[in-house]
Protein backbone atom coordinates (compact mmCIF):
# COMPACT_ATOMS: atom_id res chain seq x y z
CA MET A 1 29.39 109.13 66.93
CA ILE A 2 26.02 107.64 65.22
CA ARG A 3 26.36 106.42 62.18
CA PRO A 4 24.27 103.64 59.74
CA LEU A 5 25.17 100.08 59.98
CA GLU A 6 27.35 98.90 57.72
CA SER A 7 27.35 95.08 56.67
CA SER A 8 30.70 95.10 58.55
CA ASP A 9 29.44 96.27 61.97
CA ILE A 10 27.05 92.83 62.14
CA ASP A 11 29.52 90.79 64.31
CA GLU A 12 30.50 93.46 66.67
CA VAL A 13 26.93 94.22 66.75
CA LEU A 14 26.08 90.85 67.49
CA ALA A 15 28.55 90.30 70.16
CA ILE A 16 27.01 93.66 71.93
CA TRP A 17 23.41 91.89 71.83
CA LEU A 18 24.02 88.36 73.00
CA GLU A 19 26.64 90.18 76.17
CA ALA A 20 23.74 92.69 76.67
CA SER A 21 21.04 90.68 76.50
CA LEU A 22 22.51 87.83 78.85
CA GLU A 23 23.44 90.56 81.21
CA ALA A 24 19.81 92.51 81.08
CA HIS A 25 17.48 89.48 80.68
CA SER A 26 19.42 86.63 83.09
CA PHE A 27 15.93 85.16 83.91
CA VAL A 28 15.73 84.21 80.20
CA ALA A 29 18.13 80.67 79.29
CA ARG A 30 21.03 81.40 77.93
CA GLU A 31 20.87 79.19 74.85
CA PHE A 32 17.25 81.18 74.48
CA TRP A 33 19.88 84.12 73.49
CA GLU A 34 22.44 81.85 71.53
CA SER A 35 19.89 80.06 69.25
CA LYS A 36 18.55 83.73 68.00
CA LEU A 37 22.15 84.87 66.65
CA ASP A 38 21.61 83.40 62.98
CA ALA A 39 18.31 84.78 63.12
CA MET A 40 19.67 87.63 63.98
CA ARG A 41 22.07 87.93 61.11
CA ARG A 42 19.85 86.85 58.82
CA VAL A 43 16.33 88.37 59.66
CA TYR A 44 16.19 90.83 62.21
CA LEU A 45 19.26 93.12 61.43
CA PRO A 46 18.47 93.23 57.90
CA ALA A 47 14.76 93.91 58.31
CA SER A 48 15.76 97.13 60.29
CA GLU A 49 17.10 100.45 60.12
CA THR A 50 20.15 99.89 62.55
CA TYR A 51 22.61 102.72 63.77
CA VAL A 52 25.56 102.56 65.37
CA PHE A 53 27.47 104.24 68.29
CA THR A 54 31.20 104.59 67.76
CA ASP A 55 34.03 105.83 69.84
CA HIS A 56 37.26 106.11 67.60
CA GLU A 57 35.68 103.38 64.58
CA ILE A 58 34.60 101.14 68.13
CA ILE A 59 31.10 100.15 68.29
CA GLN A 60 30.01 100.28 71.85
CA GLY A 61 26.04 100.13 71.21
CA PHE A 62 22.98 100.17 68.48
CA LEU A 63 19.62 101.01 68.11
CA SER A 64 17.34 99.14 65.49
CA LEU A 65 13.73 100.41 64.22
CA GLN A 66 11.40 98.63 62.40
CA GLY A 67 8.60 101.38 61.16
CA ASP A 68 7.72 102.97 64.49
CA LYS A 69 9.19 100.12 66.94
CA LEU A 70 12.08 100.26 68.60
CA ALA A 71 13.20 96.72 68.20
CA ALA A 72 16.23 96.86 69.86
CA LEU A 73 18.56 99.80 71.92
CA PHE A 74 21.62 98.00 73.40
CA VAL A 75 24.62 99.10 75.04
CA SER A 76 28.25 97.26 75.43
CA PRO A 77 27.80 96.36 79.03
CA ALA A 78 31.10 97.45 79.46
CA CYS A 79 30.21 101.08 78.08
CA GLN A 80 26.89 101.32 79.75
CA GLY A 81 26.57 104.79 82.31
CA GLN A 82 28.24 106.87 80.26
CA GLY A 83 25.13 107.95 77.94
CA ILE A 84 25.61 105.88 74.95
CA GLY A 85 22.02 104.89 75.28
CA ARG A 86 20.92 108.37 75.93
CA GLU A 87 22.48 109.32 72.36
CA LEU A 88 21.10 106.44 70.76
CA MET A 89 17.50 107.47 71.99
CA GLN A 90 18.08 110.74 70.65
CA GLN A 91 18.85 109.50 67.46
CA ALA A 92 15.45 107.51 67.34
CA LYS A 93 13.93 110.21 68.42
CA LYS A 94 15.08 112.75 65.65
CA LEU A 95 13.99 109.81 63.23
CA ARG A 96 10.57 109.29 64.99
CA LYS A 97 8.01 111.35 65.98
CA ARG A 98 6.13 108.40 67.86
CA LEU A 99 8.12 105.06 68.76
CA TYR A 100 6.87 101.93 71.22
CA LEU A 101 9.16 99.34 71.97
CA THR A 102 8.46 95.92 74.38
CA VAL A 103 10.32 95.80 77.53
CA TYR A 104 10.39 92.63 79.83
CA ARG A 105 8.91 93.06 83.13
CA GLN A 106 11.33 91.52 84.88
CA ASN A 107 14.26 94.20 83.36
CA ARG A 108 13.78 97.14 86.30
CA ALA A 109 16.45 99.09 84.37
CA GLY A 110 15.66 99.04 81.22
CA ILE A 111 11.95 100.38 82.39
CA GLU A 112 13.48 102.94 84.37
CA PHE A 113 15.75 104.14 80.92
CA TYR A 114 12.90 104.05 78.83
CA LYS A 115 10.45 105.90 81.62
CA LYS A 116 13.43 108.75 81.49
CA CYS A 117 13.56 109.17 78.05
CA GLY A 118 9.89 109.79 78.22
CA PHE A 119 8.16 106.64 77.22
CA THR A 120 4.82 105.66 79.17
CA VAL A 121 3.37 102.25 79.70
CA VAL A 122 0.55 101.65 77.27
CA GLY A 123 -0.25 98.02 77.90
CA GLN A 124 1.28 94.50 78.60
CA GLN A 125 1.31 90.96 77.03
CA VAL A 126 3.54 87.83 76.83
CA ASP A 127 6.20 87.33 75.16
CA VAL A 128 5.44 83.95 72.97
CA HIS A 129 8.98 83.01 72.41
CA THR A 130 10.15 83.44 75.95
CA GLY A 131 6.66 82.98 78.07
CA GLN A 132 8.03 86.27 79.88
CA ASP A 133 5.36 89.55 80.80
CA GLU A 134 6.38 92.38 78.72
CA LEU A 135 5.27 96.26 78.99
CA VAL A 136 4.50 97.80 75.66
CA MET A 137 5.81 101.51 75.99
CA GLU A 138 4.92 104.09 73.99
CA TYR A 139 6.94 107.44 73.28
CA ASN A 140 4.95 110.15 71.16
CA ALA A 141 6.62 113.94 70.65
CA GLY A 142 3.23 115.52 70.11
CA LYS A 143 2.40 114.44 73.59
CA HIS A 144 5.32 115.51 74.61
CA GLU A 145 5.20 118.66 73.52
CA GLN A 146 1.56 119.19 74.27
CA SER A 147 2.37 118.28 78.29
CA GLY A 148 5.26 120.49 77.87
CA LEU A 149 3.24 123.46 77.07
CA LYS A 150 0.34 122.45 79.21
CA ARG A 151 2.74 122.59 82.33
CA ALA A 152 4.28 125.78 81.20
CA SER A 153 0.53 127.55 80.83
CA SER A 154 0.05 126.17 84.16
CA GLU A 155 3.05 127.53 85.75
CA ARG A 156 2.62 130.65 84.00
CA ASN A 157 -0.77 131.19 85.48
CA GLU A 158 0.35 129.94 88.87
CA TYR A 159 2.82 132.39 88.91
CA SER A 160 1.52 135.47 87.25
CA GLY A 161 -2.08 135.36 88.97
CA ASP A 162 -3.97 134.50 85.63
CA ALA A 163 -6.64 132.53 86.21
CA PRO A 164 -6.34 128.39 85.59
CA SER A 165 -6.97 127.23 81.76
CA VAL A 166 -10.24 124.95 81.33
CA ASP A 167 -8.13 121.84 80.69
CA GLY A 168 -5.59 122.03 84.28
């Protein structure tokens, strides 16, 4: 079940954030992530629209939105590979037609996950906090609907013998 974050969830959410960050971002020093716990608790989570995924009232993952930015999507490492990340992503897509995020270039699994969810790379930058290269990725429901229509139209033309459309 996905529900909004409650104040009583914060310790569990932070534990997932730290554990998953350490695992996914082993190229960044552990001390960096540990030093950000207080800011996550006092600044980032309160400033975000956050939802948790629970199973039998145990939090297994969460997502945080700041406007159209997908600021966080983390699943407990013990629960990864069970579709929780996809369910959280579906929740984000229900809430926003357009999403963007940053992901470390070295986080190959994260990049592949976001690509499978329909995100495309639109830029790159350096994270000022870690000095690590990041990709900027974007999801736009309108673009996906248009490209889906274009594909359907193209397939229809290819199989029905109709002339192809002007735009491809």
